[in-house]
Amino acid sequence: MIKQIVLGLLLGGAFGYVLHKVQATDPNKIVGFLRLTDMHLAKVILFAIGFSSLLLFIGLAIGLIPPTHIHVKPSYIGVIVGGAIFGIGFGLGGYCPGTTIAAWGAGRRDSIFMVLGGLVGAWVFVLSYGWLKAHMPWLFEPVVEINGTAAVALAETGNPKYPAIIDGVPGIVVAGIIAVIFMAAAWLMPDRIRKID
């Protein structure tokens, strides 16, 4: 247990450091990315998703990462609604949960309001969960369901708990295609799509 806590702190600290170095703790950079006037973070995010996906599935393919370590969250309509609410807060505040904590660690005092807002939002959701489930059951309908489970993977992960949407295709193939597309997009993307107002 202590080893897991220490490892979590080390990995979390390293992740926060990287977020700070790529300027993801600067709300002006995040708002510039969302307004399409500064694509630096978009390039970083696309490259990171492509590269890490490829590394993950190479690790799975060569047996370095056990398939049982893969955990897929169920996809429900409420996740899309929650994502829209999250996006609005992301655009208004200039932070997401990860960047907020990293910005707080970097000494940005404005990030404390996002931390408090996130905690209040989580508290309100916990209090309203029963009401939402009773009065808005459509939020809990699966987006995709295979064999009675909403926790599905795009391609085969090797973990039989999670059926694949693209059946019979190894995850390394799909991850490789996604990795090439995302990393190429990051490399070819212009520095800005819109002119600064």
N, C-alpha and C. Protein backbone atom coordinates (compact mmCIF):
# COMPACT_ATOMS: atom_id res chain seq x y z
N MET A 1 0.83 -1.21 0.00
CA MET A 1 0.00 0.00 0.00
C MET A 1 0.87 1.26 0.00
N ILE A 2 1.89 1.30 0.85
CA ILE A 2 2.80 2.46 0.90
C ILE A 2 3.49 2.64 -0.45
N LYS A 3 3.90 1.51 -1.05
CA LYS A 3 4.58 1.57 -2.35
C LYS A 3 3.67 2.21 -3.40
N GLN A 4 2.37 1.84 -3.39
CA GLN A 4 1.43 2.40 -4.36
C GLN A 4 1.23 3.90 -4.13
N ILE A 5 1.18 4.31 -2.87
CA ILE A 5 1.01 5.74 -2.55
C ILE A 5 2.23 6.53 -3.02
N VAL A 6 3.41 6.01 -2.72
CA VAL A 6 4.65 6.69 -3.13
C VAL A 6 4.74 6.75 -4.65
N LEU A 7 4.42 5.63 -5.31
CA LEU A 7 4.45 5.61 -6.78
C LEU A 7 3.45 6.60 -7.36
N GLY A 8 2.24 6.66 -6.75
CA GLY A 8 1.22 7.61 -7.20
C GLY A 8 1.68 9.05 -7.04
N LEU A 9 2.32 9.35 -5.91
CA LEU A 9 2.82 10.70 -5.68
C LEU A 9 3.93 11.06 -6.67
N LEU A 10 4.83 10.11 -6.92
CA LEU A 10 5.92 10.36 -7.88
C LEU A 10 5.38 10.58 -9.29
N LEU A 11 4.48 9.69 -9.72
CA LEU A 11 3.92 9.83 -11.07
C LEU A 11 3.07 11.09 -11.19
N GLY A 12 2.26 11.38 -10.15
CA GLY A 12 1.45 12.61 -10.15
C GLY A 12 2.32 13.85 -10.18
N GLY A 13 3.40 13.84 -9.40
CA GLY A 13 4.32 14.97 -9.40
C GLY A 13 4.99 15.15 -10.75
N ALA A 14 5.40 14.04 -11.37
CA ALA A 14 6.03 14.10 -12.69
C ALA A 14 5.03 14.63 -13.73
N PHE A 15 3.79 14.16 -13.64
CA PHE A 15 2.76 14.62 -14.57
C PHE A 15 2.50 16.11 -14.40
N GLY A 16 2.41 16.56 -13.15
CA GLY A 16 2.22 17.99 -12.88
C GLY A 16 3.38 18.82 -13.40
N TYR A 17 4.61 18.31 -13.24
CA TYR A 17 5.79 19.02 -13.74
C TYR A 17 5.72 19.16 -15.27
N VAL A 18 5.34 18.08 -15.95
CA VAL A 18 5.23 18.12 -17.41
C VAL A 18 4.13 19.10 -17.83
N LEU A 19 2.99 19.07 -17.13
CA LEU A 19 1.92 20.02 -17.44
C LEU A 19 2.41 21.46 -17.32
N HIS A 20 3.19 21.72 -16.28
CA HIS A 20 3.74 23.06 -16.08
C HIS A 20 4.73 23.42 -17.20
N LYS A 21 5.60 22.48 -17.56
CA LYS A 21 6.62 22.75 -18.59
C LYS A 21 6.01 23.02 -19.97
N VAL A 22 4.88 22.35 -20.28
CA VAL A 22 4.26 22.58 -21.59
C VAL A 22 3.26 23.73 -21.55
N GLN A 23 3.23 24.45 -20.43
CA GLN A 23 2.41 25.64 -20.22
C GLN A 23 0.91 25.35 -20.10
N ALA A 24 0.57 24.11 -19.72
CA ALA A 24 -0.84 23.77 -19.54
C ALA A 24 -1.40 24.31 -18.23
N THR A 25 -0.53 24.88 -17.39
CA THR A 25 -1.00 25.50 -16.14
C THR A 25 -1.27 26.99 -16.32
N ASP A 26 -1.10 27.48 -17.53
CA ASP A 26 -1.36 28.89 -17.83
C ASP A 26 -2.75 29.01 -18.45
N PRO A 27 -3.72 29.59 -17.73
CA PRO A 27 -5.09 29.66 -18.29
C PRO A 27 -5.17 30.44 -19.59
N ASN A 28 -4.24 31.37 -19.82
CA ASN A 28 -4.25 32.12 -21.08
C ASN A 28 -3.92 31.20 -22.25
N LYS A 29 -3.01 30.24 -22.03
CA LYS A 29 -2.67 29.27 -23.07
C LYS A 29 -3.87 28.36 -23.35
N ILE A 30 -4.56 27.95 -22.29
CA ILE A 30 -5.72 27.06 -22.46
C ILE A 30 -6.84 27.78 -23.20
N VAL A 31 -7.13 29.02 -22.82
CA VAL A 31 -8.18 29.79 -23.50
C VAL A 31 -7.77 30.06 -24.95
N GLY A 32 -6.49 30.34 -25.18
CA GLY A 32 -6.00 30.53 -26.55
C GLY A 32 -6.20 29.28 -27.39
N PHE A 33 -5.98 28.12 -26.79
CA PHE A 33 -6.19 26.84 -27.47
C PHE A 33 -7.68 26.67 -27.79
N LEU A 34 -8.55 26.97 -26.83
CA LEU A 34 -10.00 26.81 -27.05
C LEU A 34 -10.54 27.82 -28.06
N ARG A 35 -9.90 28.99 -28.13
CA ARG A 35 -10.32 30.01 -29.10
C ARG A 35 -9.64 29.83 -30.46
N LEU A 36 -8.76 28.84 -30.56
CA LEU A 36 -8.02 28.51 -31.79
C LEU A 36 -7.03 29.60 -32.19
N THR A 37 -6.58 30.42 -31.23
CA THR A 37 -5.61 31.47 -31.52
C THR A 37 -4.19 31.08 -31.11
N ASP A 38 -4.04 29.98 -30.35
CA ASP A 38 -2.73 29.49 -29.93
C ASP A 38 -2.83 27.97 -29.85
N MET A 39 -2.32 27.28 -30.86
CA MET A 39 -2.50 25.84 -30.97
C MET A 39 -1.39 25.03 -30.31
N HIS A 40 -0.55 25.68 -29.53
CA HIS A 40 0.56 24.99 -28.85
C HIS A 40 0.06 23.80 -28.02
N LEU A 41 -0.94 24.02 -27.17
CA LEU A 41 -1.45 22.93 -26.32
C LEU A 41 -2.15 21.85 -27.14
N ALA A 42 -2.85 22.23 -28.19
CA ALA A 42 -3.49 21.23 -29.06
C ALA A 42 -2.44 20.29 -29.64
N LYS A 43 -1.32 20.86 -30.07
CA LYS A 43 -0.23 20.03 -30.61
C LYS A 43 0.32 19.09 -29.55
N VAL A 44 0.52 19.61 -28.35
CA VAL A 44 1.05 18.79 -27.25
C VAL A 44 0.08 17.66 -26.92
N ILE A 45 -1.21 17.99 -26.82
CA ILE A 45 -2.22 17.00 -26.46
C ILE A 45 -2.33 15.91 -27.53
N LEU A 46 -2.43 16.31 -28.79
CA LEU A 46 -2.53 15.33 -29.87
C LEU A 46 -1.31 14.41 -29.90
N PHE A 47 -0.12 15.00 -29.79
CA PHE A 47 1.09 14.18 -29.81
C PHE A 47 1.12 13.23 -28.61
N ALA A 48 0.77 13.73 -27.43
CA ALA A 48 0.81 12.91 -26.21
C ALA A 48 -0.18 11.75 -26.29
N ILE A 49 -1.39 12.00 -26.81
CA ILE A 49 -2.38 10.93 -26.93
C ILE A 49 -1.89 9.87 -27.91
N GLY A 50 -1.41 10.31 -29.07
CA GLY A 50 -0.93 9.35 -30.07
C GLY A 50 0.25 8.55 -29.57
N PHE A 51 1.23 9.21 -29.00
CA PHE A 51 2.46 8.54 -28.53
C PHE A 51 2.17 7.59 -27.37
N SER A 52 1.38 8.06 -26.39
CA SER A 52 1.11 7.20 -25.22
C SER A 52 0.22 6.02 -25.60
N SER A 53 -0.73 6.20 -26.52
CA SER A 53 -1.55 5.08 -26.99
C SER A 53 -0.69 4.02 -27.64
N LEU A 54 0.23 4.48 -28.47
CA LEU A 54 1.12 3.54 -29.14
C LEU A 54 1.98 2.79 -28.13
N LEU A 55 2.55 3.50 -27.17
CA LEU A 55 3.37 2.85 -26.14
C LEU A 55 2.56 1.85 -25.32
N LEU A 56 1.34 2.22 -24.96
CA LEU A 56 0.48 1.33 -24.18
C LEU A 56 0.23 0.03 -24.93
N PHE A 57 -0.15 0.13 -26.19
CA PHE A 57 -0.50 -1.08 -26.94
C PHE A 57 0.73 -1.88 -27.36
N ILE A 58 1.88 -1.23 -27.52
CA ILE A 58 3.12 -1.99 -27.73
C ILE A 58 3.42 -2.78 -26.45
N GLY A 59 3.27 -2.12 -25.29
CA GLY A 59 3.47 -2.80 -24.02
C GLY A 59 2.54 -3.99 -23.84
N LEU A 60 1.29 -3.85 -24.26
CA LEU A 60 0.34 -4.96 -24.19
C LEU A 60 0.73 -6.07 -25.15
N ALA A 61 1.13 -5.69 -26.39
CA ALA A 61 1.45 -6.68 -27.42
C ALA A 61 2.67 -7.52 -27.06
N ILE A 62 3.66 -6.92 -26.40
CA ILE A 62 4.88 -7.68 -26.07
C ILE A 62 4.84 -8.28 -24.66
N GLY A 63 3.71 -8.09 -23.96
CA GLY A 63 3.55 -8.70 -22.65
C GLY A 63 4.15 -7.91 -21.50
N LEU A 64 4.62 -6.70 -21.76
CA LEU A 64 5.19 -5.86 -20.71
C LEU A 64 4.10 -5.35 -19.76
N ILE A 65 2.92 -5.08 -20.31
CA ILE A 65 1.77 -4.63 -19.52
C ILE A 65 0.73 -5.73 -19.54
N PRO A 66 0.35 -6.26 -18.38
CA PRO A 66 -0.70 -7.30 -18.36
C PRO A 66 -2.05 -6.72 -18.78
N PRO A 67 -2.81 -7.43 -19.62
CA PRO A 67 -4.13 -6.93 -20.04
C PRO A 67 -5.08 -6.66 -18.88
N THR A 68 -4.86 -7.33 -17.75
CA THR A 68 -5.72 -7.11 -16.59
C THR A 68 -5.54 -5.72 -16.00
N HIS A 69 -4.47 -5.01 -16.39
CA HIS A 69 -4.25 -3.65 -15.90
C HIS A 69 -5.07 -2.62 -16.68
N ILE A 70 -5.68 -3.07 -17.78
CA ILE A 70 -6.52 -2.17 -18.58
C ILE A 70 -7.88 -2.05 -17.90
N HIS A 71 -8.32 -0.80 -17.72
CA HIS A 71 -9.64 -0.55 -17.13
C HIS A 71 -10.39 0.42 -18.03
N VAL A 72 -11.55 -0.01 -18.51
CA VAL A 72 -12.36 0.80 -19.41
C VAL A 72 -13.61 1.24 -18.66
N LYS A 73 -13.86 2.53 -18.65
CA LYS A 73 -15.05 3.08 -17.98
C LYS A 73 -16.26 2.89 -18.90
N PRO A 74 -17.41 2.60 -18.31
CA PRO A 74 -18.64 2.50 -19.13
C PRO A 74 -18.98 3.86 -19.75
N SER A 75 -19.58 3.80 -20.93
CA SER A 75 -19.97 5.04 -21.61
C SER A 75 -21.48 5.20 -21.55
N TYR A 76 -21.93 6.27 -20.91
CA TYR A 76 -23.35 6.57 -20.77
C TYR A 76 -23.65 7.94 -21.36
N ILE A 77 -24.90 8.19 -21.68
CA ILE A 77 -25.31 9.49 -22.22
C ILE A 77 -24.95 10.60 -21.23
N GLY A 78 -25.06 10.31 -19.94
CA GLY A 78 -24.70 11.29 -18.91
C GLY A 78 -23.26 11.73 -18.99
N VAL A 79 -22.39 10.85 -19.51
CA VAL A 79 -20.98 11.22 -19.66
C VAL A 79 -20.85 12.33 -20.72
N ILE A 80 -21.66 12.24 -21.77
CA ILE A 80 -21.65 13.27 -22.81
C ILE A 80 -22.17 14.59 -22.24
N VAL A 81 -23.27 14.52 -21.48
CA VAL A 81 -23.83 15.72 -20.85
C VAL A 81 -22.81 16.31 -19.87
N GLY A 82 -22.22 15.45 -19.03
CA GLY A 82 -21.20 15.91 -18.09
C GLY A 82 -20.00 16.50 -18.80
N GLY A 83 -19.62 15.90 -19.94
CA GLY A 83 -18.51 16.43 -20.71
C GLY A 83 -18.80 17.82 -21.26
N ALA A 84 -20.05 18.06 -21.65
CA ALA A 84 -20.44 19.40 -22.13
C ALA A 84 -20.35 20.42 -21.00
N ILE A 85 -20.83 20.03 -19.81
CA ILE A 85 -20.74 20.93 -18.65
C ILE A 85 -19.27 21.17 -18.31
N PHE A 86 -18.48 20.11 -18.34
CA PHE A 86 -17.05 20.21 -18.09
C PHE A 86 -16.40 21.18 -19.08
N GLY A 87 -16.76 21.05 -20.37
CA GLY A 87 -16.18 21.91 -21.41
C GLY A 87 -16.50 23.37 -21.19
N ILE A 88 -17.72 23.65 -20.75
CA ILE A 88 -18.11 25.05 -20.47
C ILE A 88 -17.25 25.60 -19.34
N GLY A 89 -17.10 24.81 -18.26
CA GLY A 89 -16.25 25.25 -17.15
C GLY A 89 -14.79 25.39 -17.56
N PHE A 90 -14.34 24.49 -18.42
CA PHE A 90 -12.97 24.52 -18.93
C PHE A 90 -12.72 25.82 -19.68
N GLY A 91 -13.67 26.20 -20.53
CA GLY A 91 -13.53 27.43 -21.31
C GLY A 91 -13.65 28.69 -20.46
N LEU A 92 -14.58 28.68 -19.50
CA LEU A 92 -14.76 29.86 -18.66
C LEU A 92 -13.60 30.06 -17.68
N GLY A 93 -13.11 28.99 -17.11
CA GLY A 93 -12.08 29.10 -16.08
C GLY A 93 -10.65 29.02 -16.60
N GLY A 94 -10.48 28.40 -17.77
CA GLY A 94 -9.12 28.25 -18.30
C GLY A 94 -8.34 27.13 -17.65
N TYR A 95 -9.03 26.24 -16.94
CA TYR A 95 -8.36 25.10 -16.29
C TYR A 95 -9.25 23.87 -16.42
N CYS A 96 -8.60 22.70 -16.41
CA CYS A 96 -9.30 21.44 -16.22
C CYS A 96 -8.79 20.87 -14.89
N PRO A 97 -9.37 19.79 -14.37
CA PRO A 97 -8.95 19.31 -13.04
C PRO A 97 -7.44 19.07 -12.91
N GLY A 98 -6.84 18.43 -13.89
CA GLY A 98 -5.40 18.16 -13.80
C GLY A 98 -4.56 19.43 -13.84
N THR A 99 -4.89 20.32 -14.75
CA THR A 99 -4.11 21.55 -14.87
C THR A 99 -4.34 22.47 -13.67
N THR A 100 -5.55 22.38 -13.07
CA THR A 100 -5.85 23.20 -11.90
C THR A 100 -4.92 22.85 -10.74
N ILE A 101 -4.80 21.56 -10.46
CA ILE A 101 -3.94 21.11 -9.36
C ILE A 101 -2.49 21.46 -9.65
N ALA A 102 -2.05 21.25 -10.91
CA ALA A 102 -0.67 21.59 -11.27
C ALA A 102 -0.43 23.09 -11.16
N ALA A 103 -1.42 23.90 -11.56
CA ALA A 103 -1.28 25.36 -11.45
C ALA A 103 -1.23 25.78 -9.99
N TRP A 104 -2.02 25.14 -9.16
CA TRP A 104 -2.00 25.42 -7.71
C TRP A 104 -0.63 25.09 -7.16
N GLY A 105 -0.08 23.96 -7.57
CA GLY A 105 1.27 23.58 -7.13
C GLY A 105 2.33 24.54 -7.64
N ALA A 106 2.07 25.16 -8.80
CA ALA A 106 3.02 26.13 -9.36
C ALA A 106 2.85 27.52 -8.76
N GLY A 107 1.87 27.67 -7.84
CA GLY A 107 1.71 28.94 -7.14
C GLY A 107 0.69 29.89 -7.72
N ARG A 108 -0.13 29.43 -8.68
CA ARG A 108 -1.17 30.31 -9.24
C ARG A 108 -2.34 30.36 -8.28
N ARG A 109 -2.58 31.52 -7.71
CA ARG A 109 -3.63 31.66 -6.69
C ARG A 109 -5.03 31.55 -7.27
N ASP A 110 -5.21 31.92 -8.54
CA ASP A 110 -6.55 31.85 -9.13
C ASP A 110 -7.05 30.41 -9.25
N SER A 111 -6.14 29.46 -9.28
CA SER A 111 -6.55 28.06 -9.45
C SER A 111 -7.31 27.52 -8.25
N ILE A 112 -7.14 28.12 -7.09
CA ILE A 112 -7.85 27.66 -5.90
C ILE A 112 -9.37 27.76 -6.09
N PHE A 113 -9.82 28.76 -6.87
CA PHE A 113 -11.26 28.89 -7.13
C PHE A 113 -11.77 27.74 -7.98
N MET A 114 -10.94 27.26 -8.91
CA MET A 114 -11.33 26.10 -9.72
C MET A 114 -11.34 24.83 -8.87
N VAL A 115 -10.36 24.69 -7.97
CA VAL A 115 -10.34 23.54 -7.07
C VAL A 115 -11.61 23.52 -6.22
N LEU A 116 -11.94 24.67 -5.62
CA LEU A 116 -13.14 24.76 -4.79
C LEU A 116 -14.40 24.53 -5.62
N GLY A 117 -14.44 25.08 -6.83
CA GLY A 117 -15.59 24.86 -7.72
C GLY A 117 -15.76 23.39 -8.07
N GLY A 118 -14.66 22.70 -8.32
CA GLY A 118 -14.72 21.27 -8.62
C GLY A 118 -15.23 20.46 -7.44
N LEU A 119 -14.77 20.82 -6.24
CA LEU A 119 -15.23 20.11 -5.04
C LEU A 119 -16.72 20.35 -4.79
N VAL A 120 -17.17 21.60 -4.97
CA VAL A 120 -18.60 21.91 -4.79
C VAL A 120 -19.42 21.18 -5.86
N GLY A 121 -18.95 21.18 -7.10
CA GLY A 121 -19.66 20.47 -8.17
C GLY A 121 -19.77 18.98 -7.90
N ALA A 122 -18.69 18.37 -7.41
CA ALA A 122 -18.73 16.94 -7.07
C ALA A 122 -19.72 16.69 -5.93
N TRP A 123 -19.72 17.57 -4.94
CA TRP A 123 -20.63 17.45 -3.80
C TRP A 123 -22.09 17.55 -4.25
N VAL A 124 -22.38 18.52 -5.13
CA VAL A 124 -23.74 18.69 -5.65
C VAL A 124 -24.15 17.46 -6.44
N PHE A 125 -23.24 16.90 -7.23
CA PHE A 125 -23.56 15.70 -8.01
C PHE A 125 -23.88 14.53 -7.09
N VAL A 126 -23.07 14.34 -6.06
CA VAL A 126 -23.32 13.25 -5.10
C VAL A 126 -24.70 13.41 -4.46
N LEU A 127 -25.04 14.62 -4.07
CA LEU A 127 -26.34 14.87 -3.43
C LEU A 127 -27.50 14.67 -4.41
N SER A 128 -27.30 14.96 -5.67
CA SER A 128 -28.39 14.89 -6.65
C SER A 128 -28.42 13.57 -7.42
N TYR A 129 -27.46 12.68 -7.19
CA TYR A 129 -27.35 11.43 -7.96
C TYR A 129 -28.64 10.60 -7.91
N GLY A 130 -29.18 10.39 -6.72
CA GLY A 130 -30.41 9.60 -6.58
C GLY A 130 -31.57 10.23 -7.32
N TRP A 131 -31.71 11.56 -7.21
CA TRP A 131 -32.78 12.26 -7.91
C TRP A 131 -32.61 12.13 -9.43
N LEU A 132 -31.37 12.31 -9.92
CA LEU A 132 -31.11 12.19 -11.35
C LEU A 132 -31.45 10.79 -11.86
N LYS A 133 -31.07 9.78 -11.09
CA LYS A 133 -31.31 8.39 -11.51
C LYS A 133 -32.82 8.11 -11.56
N ALA A 134 -33.58 8.68 -10.62
CA ALA A 134 -35.02 8.45 -10.57
C ALA A 134 -35.79 9.27 -11.61
N HIS A 135 -35.36 10.51 -11.85
CA HIS A 135 -36.13 11.42 -12.70
C HIS A 135 -35.56 11.62 -14.10
N MET A 136 -34.32 11.27 -14.31
CA MET A 136 -33.70 11.41 -15.62
C MET A 136 -32.94 10.13 -15.99
N PRO A 137 -33.65 9.01 -16.07
CA PRO A 137 -32.97 7.73 -16.31
C PRO A 137 -32.24 7.66 -17.65
N TRP A 138 -32.62 8.49 -18.60
CA TRP A 138 -31.97 8.50 -19.91
C TRP A 138 -30.48 8.86 -19.80
N LEU A 139 -30.09 9.58 -18.73
CA LEU A 139 -28.68 9.91 -18.53
C LEU A 139 -27.83 8.65 -18.32
N PHE A 140 -28.47 7.58 -17.86
CA PHE A 140 -27.76 6.35 -17.53
C PHE A 140 -27.90 5.27 -18.59
N GLU A 141 -28.40 5.67 -19.77
CA GLU A 141 -28.49 4.75 -20.90
C GLU A 141 -27.12 4.64 -21.56
N PRO A 142 -26.70 3.42 -21.90
CA PRO A 142 -25.38 3.27 -22.54
C PRO A 142 -25.35 3.88 -23.94
N VAL A 143 -24.22 4.45 -24.29
CA VAL A 143 -24.01 4.96 -25.65
C VAL A 143 -23.79 3.77 -26.58
N VAL A 144 -22.94 2.85 -26.15
CA VAL A 144 -22.65 1.61 -26.88
C VAL A 144 -22.72 0.48 -25.86
N GLU A 145 -23.34 -0.62 -26.27
CA GLU A 145 -23.43 -1.76 -25.37
C GLU A 145 -23.17 -3.03 -26.16
N ILE A 146 -22.25 -3.86 -25.66
CA ILE A 146 -21.94 -5.14 -26.29
C ILE A 146 -22.02 -6.21 -25.21
N ASN A 147 -22.78 -7.25 -25.49
CA ASN A 147 -22.94 -8.37 -24.54
C ASN A 147 -23.36 -7.89 -23.15
N GLY A 148 -24.23 -6.87 -23.10
CA GLY A 148 -24.75 -6.41 -21.82
C GLY A 148 -23.83 -5.51 -21.03
N THR A 149 -22.72 -5.08 -21.61
CA THR A 149 -21.82 -4.17 -20.89
C THR A 149 -21.61 -2.88 -21.68
N ALA A 150 -21.59 -1.76 -20.96
CA ALA A 150 -21.33 -0.46 -21.57
C ALA A 150 -19.84 -0.12 -21.52
N ALA A 151 -19.06 -0.97 -20.85
CA ALA A 151 -17.60 -0.78 -20.79
C ALA A 151 -16.99 -1.53 -21.96
N VAL A 152 -16.85 -0.83 -23.08
CA VAL A 152 -16.34 -1.46 -24.29
C VAL A 152 -15.10 -0.72 -24.78
N ALA A 153 -14.22 -1.45 -25.47
CA ALA A 153 -13.01 -0.86 -26.04
C ALA A 153 -13.20 -0.72 -27.55
N LEU A 154 -12.45 0.18 -28.15
CA LEU A 154 -12.52 0.37 -29.60
C LEU A 154 -12.01 -0.87 -30.33
N ALA A 155 -10.87 -1.42 -29.85
CA ALA A 155 -10.29 -2.62 -30.44
C ALA A 155 -9.92 -3.59 -29.32
N GLU A 156 -9.45 -4.75 -29.67
CA GLU A 156 -9.15 -5.77 -28.68
C GLU A 156 -7.97 -5.36 -27.80
N THR A 157 -8.18 -5.46 -26.48
CA THR A 157 -7.13 -5.12 -25.51
C THR A 157 -6.47 -6.36 -24.92
N GLY A 158 -7.08 -7.52 -25.14
CA GLY A 158 -6.58 -8.74 -24.51
C GLY A 158 -7.26 -9.02 -23.19
N ASN A 159 -8.05 -8.06 -22.70
CA ASN A 159 -8.80 -8.25 -21.46
C ASN A 159 -10.23 -8.65 -21.84
N PRO A 160 -10.61 -9.90 -21.55
CA PRO A 160 -11.94 -10.38 -21.99
C PRO A 160 -13.11 -9.65 -21.32
N LYS A 161 -12.86 -8.89 -20.25
CA LYS A 161 -13.94 -8.13 -19.59
C LYS A 161 -14.50 -7.05 -20.50
N TYR A 162 -13.68 -6.57 -21.46
CA TYR A 162 -14.07 -5.45 -22.29
C TYR A 162 -14.18 -5.87 -23.76
N PRO A 163 -15.40 -6.09 -24.25
CA PRO A 163 -15.55 -6.46 -25.65
C PRO A 163 -15.14 -5.31 -26.57
N ALA A 164 -14.70 -5.66 -27.76
CA ALA A 164 -14.21 -4.66 -28.72
C ALA A 164 -15.31 -4.27 -29.70
N ILE A 165 -15.38 -2.98 -30.00
CA ILE A 165 -16.31 -2.49 -31.03
C ILE A 165 -15.85 -3.01 -32.39
N ILE A 166 -14.54 -2.93 -32.64
CA ILE A 166 -13.97 -3.47 -33.88
C ILE A 166 -13.43 -4.85 -33.52
N ASP A 167 -14.27 -5.85 -33.66
CA ASP A 167 -13.94 -7.20 -33.23
C ASP A 167 -12.92 -7.84 -34.18
N GLY A 168 -11.99 -8.56 -33.62
CA GLY A 168 -11.02 -9.30 -34.42
C GLY A 168 -9.82 -8.49 -34.85
N VAL A 169 -9.75 -7.23 -34.47
CA VAL A 169 -8.61 -6.38 -34.84
C VAL A 169 -7.78 -6.12 -33.59
N PRO A 170 -6.50 -6.48 -33.61
CA PRO A 170 -5.67 -6.24 -32.43
C PRO A 170 -5.56 -4.74 -32.12
N GLY A 171 -5.53 -4.43 -30.84
CA GLY A 171 -5.44 -3.05 -30.41
C GLY A 171 -4.23 -2.32 -30.96
N ILE A 172 -3.12 -3.03 -31.15
CA ILE A 172 -1.89 -2.40 -31.64
C ILE A 172 -2.10 -1.81 -33.03
N VAL A 173 -2.95 -2.44 -33.85
CA VAL A 173 -3.22 -1.94 -35.21
C VAL A 173 -3.98 -0.62 -35.13
N VAL A 174 -5.08 -0.61 -34.35
CA VAL A 174 -5.89 0.60 -34.20
C VAL A 174 -5.07 1.71 -33.53
N ALA A 175 -4.34 1.35 -32.47
CA ALA A 175 -3.51 2.34 -31.77
C ALA A 175 -2.44 2.90 -32.71
N GLY A 176 -1.86 2.05 -33.54
CA GLY A 176 -0.85 2.51 -34.49
C GLY A 176 -1.41 3.52 -35.48
N ILE A 177 -2.61 3.21 -36.01
CA ILE A 177 -3.25 4.14 -36.96
C ILE A 177 -3.58 5.46 -36.28
N ILE A 178 -4.18 5.38 -35.08
CA ILE A 178 -4.53 6.59 -34.33
C ILE A 178 -3.27 7.39 -33.99
N ALA A 179 -2.21 6.68 -33.57
CA ALA A 179 -0.96 7.35 -33.21
C ALA A 179 -0.39 8.13 -34.39
N VAL A 180 -0.35 7.49 -35.57
CA VAL A 180 0.19 8.16 -36.75
C VAL A 180 -0.65 9.38 -37.11
N ILE A 181 -1.98 9.24 -37.08
CA ILE A 181 -2.86 10.36 -37.43
C ILE A 181 -2.68 11.51 -36.43
N PHE A 182 -2.71 11.19 -35.13
CA PHE A 182 -2.60 12.24 -34.11
C PHE A 182 -1.24 12.91 -34.13
N MET A 183 -0.16 12.14 -34.22
CA MET A 183 1.18 12.74 -34.21
C MET A 183 1.42 13.55 -35.48
N ALA A 184 0.90 13.07 -36.63
CA ALA A 184 1.03 13.84 -37.88
C ALA A 184 0.23 15.13 -37.78
N ALA A 185 -0.97 15.06 -37.21
CA ALA A 185 -1.78 16.27 -37.04
C ALA A 185 -1.07 17.28 -36.15
N ALA A 186 -0.44 16.80 -35.07
CA ALA A 186 0.30 17.69 -34.17
C ALA A 186 1.46 18.36 -34.92
N TRP A 187 2.13 17.62 -35.76
CA TRP A 187 3.29 18.14 -36.49
C TRP A 187 2.86 19.12 -37.59
N LEU A 188 1.74 18.83 -38.26
CA LEU A 188 1.31 19.65 -39.39
C LEU A 188 0.42 20.82 -39.01
N MET A 189 -0.12 20.80 -37.79
CA MET A 189 -1.05 21.85 -37.37
C MET A 189 -0.36 23.22 -37.34
N PRO A 190 -1.06 24.25 -37.84
CA PRO A 190 -0.47 25.60 -37.77
C PRO A 190 -0.45 26.10 -36.32
N ASP A 191 0.34 27.15 -36.08
CA ASP A 191 0.42 27.71 -34.73
C ASP A 191 -0.87 28.37 -34.28
N ARG A 192 -1.65 28.84 -35.23
CA ARG A 192 -2.96 29.41 -34.90
C ARG A 192 -3.89 29.17 -36.08
N ILE A 193 -5.17 29.00 -35.77
CA ILE A 193 -6.17 28.79 -36.81
C ILE A 193 -6.96 30.09 -37.03
N ARG A 194 -7.16 30.82 -35.94
CA ARG A 194 -7.84 32.13 -36.01
C ARG A 194 -6.84 33.22 -35.66
N LYS A 195 -7.03 34.40 -36.25
CA LYS A 195 -6.19 35.54 -35.87
C LYS A 195 -6.60 36.03 -34.48
N ILE A 196 -5.65 36.56 -33.75
CA ILE A 196 -5.93 37.11 -32.44
C ILE A 196 -6.74 38.38 -32.60
N ASP A 197 -7.87 38.46 -31.85
CA ASP A 197 -8.75 39.65 -31.95
C ASP A 197 -8.07 40.87 -31.37
